[in-house]
N, C-alpha and C. Protein backbone atom coordinates (compact mmCIF):
# COMPACT_ATOMS: atom_id res chain seq x y z
N MET A 1 8.43 -44.01 40.46
CA MET A 1 8.45 -42.65 39.96
C MET A 1 9.62 -42.41 39.03
N SER A 2 10.78 -42.95 39.36
CA SER A 2 11.95 -42.68 38.53
C SER A 2 11.84 -43.33 37.15
N ASP A 3 10.92 -44.30 36.99
CA ASP A 3 10.74 -44.93 35.68
C ASP A 3 10.16 -43.97 34.66
N ILE A 4 9.33 -43.04 35.11
CA ILE A 4 8.72 -42.11 34.16
C ILE A 4 9.53 -40.84 33.96
N TYR A 5 10.56 -40.65 34.78
CA TYR A 5 11.36 -39.42 34.71
C TYR A 5 11.92 -39.15 33.31
N PRO A 6 12.57 -40.12 32.65
CA PRO A 6 13.13 -39.82 31.32
C PRO A 6 12.06 -39.43 30.30
N TYR A 7 10.91 -40.06 30.37
CA TYR A 7 9.83 -39.73 29.44
C TYR A 7 9.22 -38.37 29.76
N PHE A 8 9.08 -38.10 31.04
CA PHE A 8 8.50 -36.84 31.47
C PHE A 8 9.39 -35.67 31.10
N ILE A 9 10.70 -35.84 31.27
CA ILE A 9 11.60 -34.74 30.93
C ILE A 9 11.63 -34.52 29.42
N LYS A 10 11.54 -35.59 28.63
CA LYS A 10 11.48 -35.43 27.17
C LYS A 10 10.20 -34.69 26.77
N PHE A 11 9.09 -35.05 27.41
CA PHE A 11 7.83 -34.36 27.14
C PHE A 11 7.95 -32.88 27.50
N HIS A 12 8.56 -32.59 28.63
CA HIS A 12 8.75 -31.21 29.07
C HIS A 12 9.60 -30.43 28.05
N VAL A 13 10.64 -31.06 27.55
CA VAL A 13 11.50 -30.40 26.56
C VAL A 13 10.74 -30.13 25.27
N VAL A 14 10.01 -31.12 24.78
CA VAL A 14 9.23 -30.94 23.54
C VAL A 14 8.16 -29.87 23.75
N PHE A 15 7.48 -29.92 24.87
CA PHE A 15 6.45 -28.93 25.19
C PHE A 15 7.07 -27.54 25.28
N SER A 16 8.26 -27.45 25.86
CA SER A 16 8.96 -26.16 25.97
C SER A 16 9.34 -25.60 24.60
N ILE A 17 9.74 -26.48 23.70
CA ILE A 17 10.09 -26.04 22.34
C ILE A 17 8.85 -25.52 21.62
N VAL A 18 7.73 -26.22 21.77
CA VAL A 18 6.47 -25.75 21.17
C VAL A 18 6.09 -24.40 21.77
N PHE A 19 6.21 -24.27 23.08
CA PHE A 19 5.92 -22.99 23.73
C PHE A 19 6.83 -21.89 23.20
N LEU A 20 8.11 -22.18 23.05
CA LEU A 20 9.05 -21.18 22.55
C LEU A 20 8.68 -20.73 21.14
N LEU A 21 8.23 -21.66 20.31
CA LEU A 21 7.77 -21.29 18.96
C LEU A 21 6.57 -20.35 19.05
N ILE A 22 5.63 -20.66 19.94
CA ILE A 22 4.46 -19.80 20.14
C ILE A 22 4.91 -18.42 20.64
N ALA A 23 5.88 -18.40 21.54
CA ALA A 23 6.39 -17.14 22.08
C ALA A 23 7.03 -16.29 20.99
N VAL A 24 7.80 -16.91 20.12
CA VAL A 24 8.41 -16.16 19.01
C VAL A 24 7.33 -15.65 18.07
N ILE A 25 6.34 -16.50 17.78
CA ILE A 25 5.25 -16.10 16.88
C ILE A 25 4.49 -14.90 17.44
N ILE A 26 4.14 -14.94 18.72
CA ILE A 26 3.38 -13.82 19.30
C ILE A 26 4.22 -12.55 19.34
N SER A 27 5.51 -12.68 19.59
CA SER A 27 6.38 -11.50 19.62
C SER A 27 6.50 -10.87 18.24
N VAL A 28 6.75 -11.69 17.22
CA VAL A 28 6.88 -11.18 15.85
C VAL A 28 5.55 -10.63 15.35
N THR A 29 4.47 -11.37 15.60
CA THR A 29 3.14 -10.92 15.17
C THR A 29 2.79 -9.57 15.80
N SER A 30 3.09 -9.42 17.06
CA SER A 30 2.80 -8.16 17.76
C SER A 30 3.59 -7.00 17.17
N LEU A 31 4.86 -7.24 16.89
CA LEU A 31 5.69 -6.18 16.31
C LEU A 31 5.20 -5.79 14.92
N VAL A 32 4.96 -6.79 14.07
CA VAL A 32 4.51 -6.52 12.70
C VAL A 32 3.15 -5.83 12.71
N SER A 33 2.23 -6.32 13.53
CA SER A 33 0.89 -5.72 13.60
C SER A 33 0.94 -4.30 14.13
N SER A 34 1.83 -4.05 15.06
CA SER A 34 1.99 -2.70 15.60
C SER A 34 2.52 -1.75 14.53
N ILE A 35 3.50 -2.20 13.78
CA ILE A 35 4.09 -1.37 12.72
C ILE A 35 3.06 -1.09 11.63
N LYS A 36 2.27 -2.10 11.28
CA LYS A 36 1.28 -1.94 10.20
C LYS A 36 0.00 -1.25 10.67
N GLY A 37 -0.14 -1.03 11.96
CA GLY A 37 -1.33 -0.35 12.49
C GLY A 37 -2.59 -1.20 12.43
N LYS A 38 -2.44 -2.50 12.56
CA LYS A 38 -3.60 -3.40 12.49
C LYS A 38 -4.45 -3.29 13.76
N GLU A 39 -5.67 -3.76 13.63
CA GLU A 39 -6.58 -3.84 14.78
C GLU A 39 -6.30 -5.13 15.54
N TYR A 40 -6.40 -5.05 16.86
CA TYR A 40 -6.22 -6.22 17.71
C TYR A 40 -7.45 -7.11 17.54
N SER A 41 -7.25 -8.30 17.01
CA SER A 41 -8.37 -9.16 16.63
C SER A 41 -8.56 -10.32 17.60
N GLY A 42 -9.58 -11.11 17.33
CA GLY A 42 -9.83 -12.31 18.11
C GLY A 42 -8.68 -13.29 18.00
N PHE A 43 -8.03 -13.33 16.83
CA PHE A 43 -6.87 -14.20 16.65
C PHE A 43 -5.74 -13.78 17.58
N ASP A 44 -5.50 -12.49 17.69
CA ASP A 44 -4.44 -11.98 18.56
C ASP A 44 -4.74 -12.31 20.02
N ASN A 45 -6.00 -12.17 20.41
CA ASN A 45 -6.39 -12.51 21.77
C ASN A 45 -6.24 -14.01 22.03
N ALA A 46 -6.62 -14.83 21.04
CA ALA A 46 -6.48 -16.28 21.18
C ALA A 46 -5.00 -16.65 21.29
N LEU A 47 -4.16 -15.99 20.52
CA LEU A 47 -2.72 -16.25 20.58
C LEU A 47 -2.17 -15.91 21.96
N ARG A 48 -2.64 -14.81 22.54
CA ARG A 48 -2.24 -14.43 23.90
C ARG A 48 -2.65 -15.49 24.91
N GLN A 49 -3.87 -15.99 24.76
CA GLN A 49 -4.36 -17.01 25.68
C GLN A 49 -3.61 -18.33 25.52
N VAL A 50 -3.30 -18.70 24.28
CA VAL A 50 -2.52 -19.93 24.03
C VAL A 50 -1.12 -19.78 24.63
N PHE A 51 -0.52 -18.60 24.44
CA PHE A 51 0.80 -18.32 25.01
C PHE A 51 0.79 -18.54 26.53
N LEU A 52 -0.18 -17.92 27.20
CA LEU A 52 -0.25 -18.03 28.66
C LEU A 52 -0.58 -19.45 29.11
N THR A 53 -1.46 -20.12 28.38
CA THR A 53 -1.82 -21.50 28.73
C THR A 53 -0.60 -22.40 28.64
N PHE A 54 0.13 -22.30 27.54
CA PHE A 54 1.33 -23.12 27.38
C PHE A 54 2.37 -22.76 28.44
N LEU A 55 2.49 -21.49 28.76
CA LEU A 55 3.45 -21.05 29.77
C LEU A 55 3.13 -21.68 31.13
N TYR A 56 1.86 -21.63 31.53
CA TYR A 56 1.47 -22.20 32.82
C TYR A 56 1.59 -23.72 32.84
N ILE A 57 1.23 -24.37 31.76
CA ILE A 57 1.38 -25.83 31.70
C ILE A 57 2.86 -26.19 31.79
N ASP A 58 3.71 -25.46 31.09
CA ASP A 58 5.14 -25.72 31.13
C ASP A 58 5.69 -25.50 32.54
N LEU A 59 5.19 -24.49 33.23
CA LEU A 59 5.60 -24.24 34.61
C LEU A 59 5.21 -25.42 35.50
N VAL A 60 3.99 -25.90 35.35
CA VAL A 60 3.53 -27.04 36.16
C VAL A 60 4.38 -28.27 35.86
N LEU A 61 4.68 -28.51 34.59
CA LEU A 61 5.53 -29.65 34.23
C LEU A 61 6.90 -29.52 34.89
N GLY A 62 7.47 -28.33 34.86
CA GLY A 62 8.77 -28.10 35.49
C GLY A 62 8.72 -28.29 37.00
N ILE A 63 7.66 -27.84 37.63
CA ILE A 63 7.52 -28.02 39.08
C ILE A 63 7.39 -29.50 39.43
N ILE A 64 6.61 -30.22 38.64
CA ILE A 64 6.48 -31.67 38.87
C ILE A 64 7.83 -32.34 38.73
N LEU A 65 8.57 -31.99 37.69
CA LEU A 65 9.91 -32.56 37.49
C LEU A 65 10.83 -32.24 38.65
N TYR A 66 10.83 -30.99 39.05
CA TYR A 66 11.78 -30.54 40.05
C TYR A 66 11.46 -31.03 41.46
N PHE A 67 10.20 -30.98 41.83
CA PHE A 67 9.85 -31.30 43.21
C PHE A 67 9.36 -32.73 43.44
N PHE A 68 8.79 -33.37 42.43
CA PHE A 68 8.15 -34.65 42.67
C PHE A 68 8.79 -35.84 41.97
N LEU A 69 9.55 -35.63 40.93
CA LEU A 69 10.11 -36.76 40.20
C LEU A 69 11.61 -36.92 40.41
N ARG A 70 12.16 -36.25 41.37
CA ARG A 70 13.59 -36.38 41.64
C ARG A 70 13.82 -37.49 42.64
N LYS A 71 14.90 -38.20 42.42
CA LYS A 71 15.28 -39.26 43.35
C LYS A 71 15.84 -38.62 44.62
N PRO A 72 15.63 -39.25 45.78
CA PRO A 72 16.13 -38.66 47.03
C PRO A 72 17.64 -38.40 47.01
N ASP A 73 18.41 -39.25 46.31
CA ASP A 73 19.86 -39.03 46.29
C ASP A 73 20.27 -37.89 45.36
N GLU A 74 19.35 -37.39 44.53
CA GLU A 74 19.65 -36.27 43.64
C GLU A 74 19.33 -34.93 44.30
N ILE A 75 18.61 -34.96 45.39
CA ILE A 75 18.17 -33.72 46.03
C ILE A 75 19.31 -33.16 46.88
N MET A 76 19.59 -31.90 46.66
CA MET A 76 20.60 -31.21 47.47
C MET A 76 20.11 -29.80 47.73
N THR A 77 20.73 -29.19 48.67
CA THR A 77 20.34 -27.82 49.01
C THR A 77 20.84 -26.86 47.94
N ALA A 78 20.28 -25.67 47.94
CA ALA A 78 20.71 -24.65 46.99
C ALA A 78 22.18 -24.30 47.22
N LYS A 79 22.61 -24.33 48.48
CA LYS A 79 24.00 -24.04 48.80
C LYS A 79 24.94 -25.06 48.15
N GLU A 80 24.53 -26.34 48.17
CA GLU A 80 25.34 -27.38 47.53
C GLU A 80 25.27 -27.27 46.01
N ALA A 81 24.10 -26.94 45.49
CA ALA A 81 23.90 -26.88 44.03
C ALA A 81 24.70 -25.76 43.39
N VAL A 82 24.96 -24.68 44.13
CA VAL A 82 25.69 -23.54 43.59
C VAL A 82 27.11 -23.93 43.19
N LYS A 83 27.66 -24.97 43.79
CA LYS A 83 29.03 -25.41 43.49
C LYS A 83 29.15 -26.03 42.10
N TYR A 84 28.05 -26.51 41.55
CA TYR A 84 28.08 -27.18 40.25
C TYR A 84 27.26 -26.36 39.26
N SER A 85 27.89 -25.91 38.17
CA SER A 85 27.21 -24.98 37.26
C SER A 85 25.95 -25.58 36.65
N SER A 86 25.97 -26.85 36.29
CA SER A 86 24.78 -27.46 35.69
C SER A 86 23.63 -27.53 36.70
N LEU A 87 23.96 -27.97 37.90
CA LEU A 87 22.92 -28.05 38.94
C LEU A 87 22.44 -26.66 39.33
N ARG A 88 23.38 -25.71 39.38
CA ARG A 88 23.00 -24.34 39.73
C ARG A 88 22.02 -23.78 38.70
N PHE A 89 22.29 -24.08 37.42
CA PHE A 89 21.40 -23.59 36.38
C PHE A 89 19.99 -24.12 36.59
N TRP A 90 19.85 -25.44 36.74
CA TRP A 90 18.51 -26.02 36.84
C TRP A 90 17.86 -25.73 38.19
N ALA A 91 18.65 -25.74 39.26
CA ALA A 91 18.08 -25.57 40.60
C ALA A 91 17.76 -24.12 40.94
N VAL A 92 18.54 -23.21 40.41
CA VAL A 92 18.38 -21.82 40.82
C VAL A 92 18.02 -20.92 39.64
N GLN A 93 18.90 -20.85 38.66
CA GLN A 93 18.72 -19.87 37.58
C GLN A 93 17.52 -20.16 36.70
N HIS A 94 17.40 -21.39 36.21
CA HIS A 94 16.30 -21.72 35.31
C HIS A 94 14.95 -21.54 36.01
N PHE A 95 14.85 -22.05 37.21
CA PHE A 95 13.60 -21.97 37.95
C PHE A 95 13.22 -20.51 38.23
N SER A 96 14.18 -19.72 38.71
CA SER A 96 13.86 -18.32 39.02
C SER A 96 13.57 -17.51 37.76
N ASN A 97 14.29 -17.78 36.67
CA ASN A 97 14.00 -17.09 35.41
C ASN A 97 12.60 -17.41 34.92
N MET A 98 12.20 -18.66 35.01
CA MET A 98 10.87 -19.04 34.52
C MET A 98 9.76 -18.44 35.39
N ILE A 99 9.98 -18.36 36.69
CA ILE A 99 9.00 -17.71 37.56
C ILE A 99 8.88 -16.23 37.17
N PHE A 100 10.02 -15.59 36.91
CA PHE A 100 10.01 -14.19 36.48
C PHE A 100 9.27 -14.04 35.16
N VAL A 101 9.49 -14.97 34.22
CA VAL A 101 8.80 -14.94 32.92
C VAL A 101 7.29 -15.06 33.11
N VAL A 102 6.86 -15.94 33.99
CA VAL A 102 5.42 -16.11 34.25
C VAL A 102 4.84 -14.82 34.81
N ILE A 103 5.49 -14.24 35.78
CA ILE A 103 4.99 -13.00 36.40
C ILE A 103 4.96 -11.87 35.36
N PHE A 104 6.03 -11.71 34.62
CA PHE A 104 6.14 -10.65 33.62
C PHE A 104 5.07 -10.83 32.53
N SER A 105 4.88 -12.06 32.08
CA SER A 105 3.88 -12.33 31.04
C SER A 105 2.46 -12.08 31.56
N GLN A 106 2.21 -12.44 32.80
CA GLN A 106 0.88 -12.21 33.37
C GLN A 106 0.59 -10.72 33.51
N ILE A 107 1.59 -9.95 33.91
CA ILE A 107 1.42 -8.50 33.99
C ILE A 107 1.11 -7.93 32.62
N GLY A 108 1.85 -8.36 31.61
CA GLY A 108 1.60 -7.91 30.24
C GLY A 108 0.20 -8.26 29.78
N SER A 109 -0.24 -9.47 30.09
CA SER A 109 -1.59 -9.90 29.72
C SER A 109 -2.65 -9.04 30.39
N MET A 110 -2.41 -8.67 31.64
CA MET A 110 -3.37 -7.81 32.35
C MET A 110 -3.46 -6.44 31.70
N PHE A 111 -2.32 -5.88 31.31
CA PHE A 111 -2.32 -4.59 30.61
C PHE A 111 -3.07 -4.69 29.28
N ILE A 112 -2.85 -5.78 28.56
CA ILE A 112 -3.52 -5.98 27.26
C ILE A 112 -5.03 -6.06 27.45
N LYS A 113 -5.46 -6.78 28.46
CA LYS A 113 -6.90 -6.94 28.70
C LYS A 113 -7.56 -5.64 29.16
N LYS A 114 -6.81 -4.79 29.85
CA LYS A 114 -7.40 -3.57 30.42
C LYS A 114 -7.51 -2.42 29.43
N THR A 115 -6.83 -2.51 28.30
CA THR A 115 -6.91 -1.43 27.32
C THR A 115 -7.67 -1.89 26.09
N SER A 116 -8.33 -0.95 25.45
CA SER A 116 -9.08 -1.29 24.23
C SER A 116 -8.38 -0.75 22.98
N ASP A 117 -7.34 0.04 23.16
CA ASP A 117 -6.60 0.61 22.03
C ASP A 117 -5.68 -0.46 21.43
N SER A 118 -5.89 -0.77 20.15
CA SER A 118 -5.12 -1.82 19.47
C SER A 118 -3.62 -1.54 19.47
N ALA A 119 -3.25 -0.30 19.25
CA ALA A 119 -1.82 0.05 19.21
C ALA A 119 -1.16 -0.26 20.56
N LYS A 120 -1.84 0.10 21.65
CA LYS A 120 -1.30 -0.17 22.98
C LYS A 120 -1.27 -1.67 23.26
N ARG A 121 -2.29 -2.38 22.82
CA ARG A 121 -2.32 -3.83 23.03
C ARG A 121 -1.13 -4.51 22.36
N PHE A 122 -0.87 -4.14 21.11
CA PHE A 122 0.27 -4.73 20.41
C PHE A 122 1.59 -4.31 21.05
N LYS A 123 1.64 -3.06 21.52
CA LYS A 123 2.85 -2.57 22.18
C LYS A 123 3.11 -3.37 23.46
N TYR A 124 2.08 -3.53 24.29
CA TYR A 124 2.23 -4.31 25.52
C TYR A 124 2.58 -5.76 25.20
N SER A 125 1.93 -6.31 24.21
CA SER A 125 2.20 -7.69 23.82
C SER A 125 3.65 -7.86 23.40
N PHE A 126 4.11 -6.95 22.56
CA PHE A 126 5.49 -7.06 22.09
C PHE A 126 6.48 -6.86 23.24
N ILE A 127 6.24 -5.86 24.06
CA ILE A 127 7.18 -5.57 25.14
C ILE A 127 7.21 -6.71 26.17
N TYR A 128 6.07 -7.05 26.72
CA TYR A 128 6.06 -8.03 27.81
C TYR A 128 6.33 -9.46 27.33
N PHE A 129 5.67 -9.87 26.26
CA PHE A 129 5.89 -11.23 25.76
C PHE A 129 7.23 -11.33 25.05
N GLY A 130 7.64 -10.24 24.40
CA GLY A 130 8.95 -10.23 23.74
C GLY A 130 10.09 -10.32 24.73
N ILE A 131 10.01 -9.55 25.81
CA ILE A 131 11.04 -9.61 26.84
C ILE A 131 11.04 -10.98 27.52
N SER A 132 9.86 -11.54 27.75
CA SER A 132 9.78 -12.88 28.33
C SER A 132 10.44 -13.91 27.42
N THR A 133 10.18 -13.79 26.13
CA THR A 133 10.79 -14.70 25.16
C THR A 133 12.30 -14.52 25.16
N LEU A 134 12.75 -13.28 25.22
CA LEU A 134 14.18 -12.99 25.24
C LEU A 134 14.85 -13.57 26.49
N ILE A 135 14.19 -13.46 27.63
CA ILE A 135 14.73 -14.02 28.88
C ILE A 135 14.90 -15.53 28.73
N ILE A 136 13.91 -16.18 28.15
CA ILE A 136 13.99 -17.63 27.96
C ILE A 136 15.14 -17.98 27.03
N LEU A 137 15.23 -17.29 25.90
CA LEU A 137 16.29 -17.58 24.93
C LEU A 137 17.68 -17.33 25.51
N VAL A 138 17.84 -16.24 26.22
CA VAL A 138 19.14 -15.93 26.83
C VAL A 138 19.47 -16.94 27.92
N SER A 139 18.50 -17.25 28.76
CA SER A 139 18.72 -18.18 29.85
C SER A 139 19.16 -19.55 29.35
N VAL A 140 18.40 -20.10 28.44
CA VAL A 140 18.72 -21.43 27.92
C VAL A 140 19.94 -21.36 27.00
N GLY A 141 20.06 -20.27 26.24
CA GLY A 141 21.20 -20.12 25.34
C GLY A 141 22.52 -20.02 26.07
N LEU A 142 22.57 -19.26 27.15
CA LEU A 142 23.80 -19.15 27.93
C LEU A 142 24.18 -20.48 28.55
N PHE A 143 23.18 -21.24 28.99
CA PHE A 143 23.47 -22.56 29.55
C PHE A 143 24.05 -23.47 28.46
N ALA A 144 23.47 -23.42 27.27
CA ALA A 144 23.94 -24.26 26.16
C ALA A 144 25.37 -23.88 25.76
N LEU A 145 25.69 -22.59 25.81
CA LEU A 145 27.04 -22.14 25.45
C LEU A 145 28.09 -22.59 26.46
N ARG A 146 27.68 -22.77 27.71
CA ARG A 146 28.62 -23.23 28.74
C ARG A 146 29.02 -24.68 28.55
N LYS A 147 28.23 -25.41 27.83
CA LYS A 147 28.50 -26.85 27.65
C LYS A 147 29.63 -27.08 26.71
């Protein structure tokens, strides 16, 4: 199992970067479309579905990395991990932030699906997906700044 760990984590990072690009695109597209008063189209709905699909795949990849591809000597309790900022980030903060992003994005998607008003759809898309994107950027950005 540990032989595939370096490749799997690289794949997860690349996949996360692609997801982040999609997240920025959907946030900007939603804001611009809302300002211009555009109609919510099939493209916008497809973008929402791609966003959620990538988000869930990325979550599964992270869960596989965290729970199944770790060496027994790398596993420690949350109490032990809190002592080390890097471990605390990956073991506690990153995981909990990403779970929050998934929940928040799913709630936003449900609001978008339940309304037929284009203005509200773009508003929900921008608010929920935009805040989710911001949480990801701040979470990873703060960790990068600590290095």
